[in-house]
N, C-alpha and C. Protein backbone atom coordinates (compact mmCIF):
# COMPACT_ATOMS: atom_id res chain seq x y z
N UNK A 1 0.84 -1.19 0.00
CA UNK A 1 0.00 0.00 0.00
C UNK A 1 0.88 1.25 0.00
N UNK A 2 0.50 2.19 -0.82
CA UNK A 2 1.23 3.44 -0.90
C UNK A 2 0.77 4.36 0.23
N UNK A 3 1.70 4.82 1.07
CA UNK A 3 1.31 5.64 2.22
C UNK A 3 0.70 6.99 1.83
N UNK A 4 0.87 7.41 0.59
CA UNK A 4 0.30 8.69 0.15
C UNK A 4 -1.19 8.58 -0.15
N UNK A 5 -1.69 7.36 -0.28
CA UNK A 5 -3.08 7.16 -0.66
C UNK A 5 -3.94 6.74 0.53
N UNK A 6 -5.17 7.22 0.54
CA UNK A 6 -6.13 6.75 1.55
C UNK A 6 -6.53 5.33 1.17
N UNK A 7 -7.20 4.65 2.07
CA UNK A 7 -7.62 3.27 1.76
C UNK A 7 -8.60 3.25 0.59
N UNK A 8 -9.50 4.24 0.52
CA UNK A 8 -10.45 4.30 -0.60
C UNK A 8 -9.72 4.56 -1.92
N UNK A 9 -8.75 5.44 -1.91
CA UNK A 9 -7.96 5.72 -3.12
C UNK A 9 -7.18 4.48 -3.54
N UNK A 10 -6.63 3.77 -2.57
CA UNK A 10 -5.86 2.56 -2.86
C UNK A 10 -6.73 1.50 -3.52
N UNK A 11 -7.93 1.26 -2.96
CA UNK A 11 -8.85 0.26 -3.53
C UNK A 11 -9.24 0.64 -4.95
N UNK A 12 -9.56 1.89 -5.15
CA UNK A 12 -9.96 2.37 -6.47
C UNK A 12 -8.81 2.22 -7.47
N UNK A 13 -7.62 2.60 -7.06
CA UNK A 13 -6.45 2.51 -7.93
C UNK A 13 -6.11 1.06 -8.27
N UNK A 14 -6.23 0.17 -7.29
CA UNK A 14 -5.94 -1.24 -7.54
C UNK A 14 -6.91 -1.83 -8.56
N UNK A 15 -8.18 -1.49 -8.43
CA UNK A 15 -9.17 -1.98 -9.39
C UNK A 15 -8.90 -1.43 -10.78
N UNK A 16 -8.57 -0.14 -10.86
CA UNK A 16 -8.27 0.47 -12.15
C UNK A 16 -7.03 -0.17 -12.78
N UNK A 17 -6.02 -0.39 -11.96
CA UNK A 17 -4.78 -1.00 -12.46
C UNK A 17 -5.01 -2.44 -12.92
N UNK A 18 -6.01 -3.10 -12.34
CA UNK A 18 -6.33 -4.47 -12.73
C UNK A 18 -7.17 -4.53 -14.00
N UNK A 19 -7.56 -3.36 -14.51
CA UNK A 19 -8.29 -3.32 -15.77
C UNK A 19 -9.78 -3.06 -15.66
N UNK A 20 -10.26 -2.79 -14.46
CA UNK A 20 -11.68 -2.51 -14.29
C UNK A 20 -12.03 -1.15 -14.88
N UNK A 21 -13.20 -1.06 -15.48
CA UNK A 21 -13.66 0.23 -15.99
C UNK A 21 -14.16 1.08 -14.82
N UNK A 22 -14.31 2.38 -15.07
CA UNK A 22 -14.83 3.25 -14.02
C UNK A 22 -16.21 2.78 -13.55
N UNK A 23 -17.03 2.32 -14.48
CA UNK A 23 -18.36 1.81 -14.12
C UNK A 23 -18.23 0.57 -13.23
N UNK A 24 -17.32 -0.33 -13.58
CA UNK A 24 -17.11 -1.54 -12.77
C UNK A 24 -16.60 -1.18 -11.37
N UNK A 25 -15.70 -0.22 -11.31
CA UNK A 25 -15.15 0.22 -10.01
C UNK A 25 -16.27 0.81 -9.17
N UNK A 26 -17.09 1.66 -9.78
CA UNK A 26 -18.21 2.28 -9.06
C UNK A 26 -19.15 1.22 -8.49
N UNK A 27 -19.44 0.22 -9.28
CA UNK A 27 -20.32 -0.86 -8.83
C UNK A 27 -19.69 -1.64 -7.69
N UNK A 28 -18.42 -1.98 -7.84
CA UNK A 28 -17.73 -2.77 -6.81
C UNK A 28 -17.62 -2.02 -5.49
N UNK A 29 -17.42 -0.71 -5.56
CA UNK A 29 -17.24 0.08 -4.34
C UNK A 29 -18.52 0.77 -3.89
N UNK A 30 -19.59 0.54 -4.60
CA UNK A 30 -20.90 1.15 -4.34
C UNK A 30 -20.80 2.68 -4.18
N UNK A 31 -20.19 3.29 -5.20
CA UNK A 31 -20.11 4.74 -5.29
C UNK A 31 -20.50 5.14 -6.71
N UNK A 32 -20.59 6.43 -6.97
CA UNK A 32 -20.96 6.89 -8.31
C UNK A 32 -19.73 6.89 -9.22
N UNK A 33 -19.99 6.91 -10.50
CA UNK A 33 -18.89 7.00 -11.47
C UNK A 33 -18.12 8.30 -11.28
N UNK A 34 -18.84 9.38 -10.96
CA UNK A 34 -18.18 10.68 -10.71
C UNK A 34 -17.22 10.58 -9.54
N UNK A 35 -17.59 9.83 -8.52
CA UNK A 35 -16.71 9.64 -7.37
C UNK A 35 -15.45 8.89 -7.78
N UNK A 36 -15.61 7.87 -8.61
CA UNK A 36 -14.46 7.12 -9.12
C UNK A 36 -13.55 8.05 -9.91
N UNK A 37 -14.13 8.86 -10.79
CA UNK A 37 -13.33 9.79 -11.59
C UNK A 37 -12.55 10.75 -10.70
N UNK A 38 -13.21 11.31 -9.70
CA UNK A 38 -12.55 12.25 -8.79
C UNK A 38 -11.45 11.56 -7.98
N UNK A 39 -11.74 10.36 -7.55
CA UNK A 39 -10.75 9.61 -6.76
C UNK A 39 -9.52 9.29 -7.60
N UNK A 40 -9.73 8.82 -8.82
CA UNK A 40 -8.59 8.52 -9.69
C UNK A 40 -7.79 9.78 -10.03
N UNK A 41 -8.47 10.90 -10.18
CA UNK A 41 -7.76 12.16 -10.42
C UNK A 41 -6.84 12.49 -9.25
N UNK A 42 -7.34 12.31 -8.02
CA UNK A 42 -6.50 12.54 -6.84
C UNK A 42 -5.33 11.57 -6.79
N UNK A 43 -5.59 10.31 -7.14
CA UNK A 43 -4.53 9.30 -7.15
C UNK A 43 -3.43 9.69 -8.13
N UNK A 44 -3.84 10.07 -9.35
CA UNK A 44 -2.86 10.47 -10.36
C UNK A 44 -2.02 11.64 -9.85
N UNK A 45 -2.68 12.63 -9.25
CA UNK A 45 -1.97 13.81 -8.76
C UNK A 45 -0.99 13.43 -7.64
N UNK A 46 -1.45 12.64 -6.69
CA UNK A 46 -0.60 12.26 -5.56
C UNK A 46 0.62 11.44 -6.01
N UNK A 47 0.43 10.60 -7.02
CA UNK A 47 1.51 9.73 -7.47
C UNK A 47 2.31 10.32 -8.63
N UNK A 48 1.91 11.49 -9.10
CA UNK A 48 2.62 12.14 -10.20
C UNK A 48 2.42 11.44 -11.53
N UNK A 49 1.23 10.89 -11.74
CA UNK A 49 0.93 10.15 -12.97
C UNK A 49 0.03 10.98 -13.87
N UNK A 50 0.04 10.65 -15.15
CA UNK A 50 -0.81 11.38 -16.09
C UNK A 50 -1.76 10.47 -16.87
N UNK A 51 -1.65 9.15 -16.68
CA UNK A 51 -2.51 8.25 -17.44
C UNK A 51 -2.77 6.95 -16.69
N UNK A 52 -3.79 6.26 -17.13
CA UNK A 52 -4.13 4.96 -16.55
C UNK A 52 -3.03 3.94 -16.83
N UNK A 53 -2.40 4.05 -17.98
CA UNK A 53 -1.29 3.15 -18.31
C UNK A 53 -0.16 3.30 -17.29
N UNK A 54 0.15 4.53 -16.91
CA UNK A 54 1.19 4.75 -15.90
C UNK A 54 0.76 4.15 -14.56
N UNK A 55 -0.53 4.24 -14.27
CA UNK A 55 -1.06 3.65 -13.03
C UNK A 55 -0.84 2.14 -13.04
N UNK A 56 -1.14 1.51 -14.16
CA UNK A 56 -0.93 0.06 -14.29
C UNK A 56 0.53 -0.28 -14.06
N UNK A 57 1.43 0.45 -14.68
CA UNK A 57 2.87 0.19 -14.52
C UNK A 57 3.31 0.39 -13.07
N UNK A 58 2.80 1.43 -12.42
CA UNK A 58 3.16 1.71 -11.04
C UNK A 58 2.73 0.58 -10.12
N UNK A 59 1.51 0.09 -10.30
CA UNK A 59 1.01 -0.98 -9.43
C UNK A 59 1.62 -2.32 -9.79
N UNK A 60 1.97 -2.53 -11.05
CA UNK A 60 2.63 -3.77 -11.45
C UNK A 60 4.03 -3.84 -10.83
N UNK A 61 4.75 -2.74 -10.87
CA UNK A 61 6.09 -2.70 -10.28
C UNK A 61 6.04 -2.88 -8.77
N UNK A 62 5.02 -2.33 -8.15
CA UNK A 62 4.89 -2.44 -6.69
C UNK A 62 4.66 -3.90 -6.26
N UNK A 63 4.02 -4.68 -7.11
CA UNK A 63 3.75 -6.10 -6.79
C UNK A 63 4.97 -6.98 -6.98
N UNK A 64 5.90 -6.55 -7.82
CA UNK A 64 7.06 -7.40 -8.14
C UNK A 64 8.13 -7.31 -7.10
């Protein structure tokens, strides 16, 4: 877990990195799609990322 992220941000980022769509993430976390979008925006900003692909790479490297 990245200490810069809240637990909600971490869960959302992990699902996104695993390939889930924003709609799928919203359903899994029982939040709105807008909430997922806002959360991922905060995650990108906190981690210095600009795309979902970078998010995937960041979480893939963290697992290795």
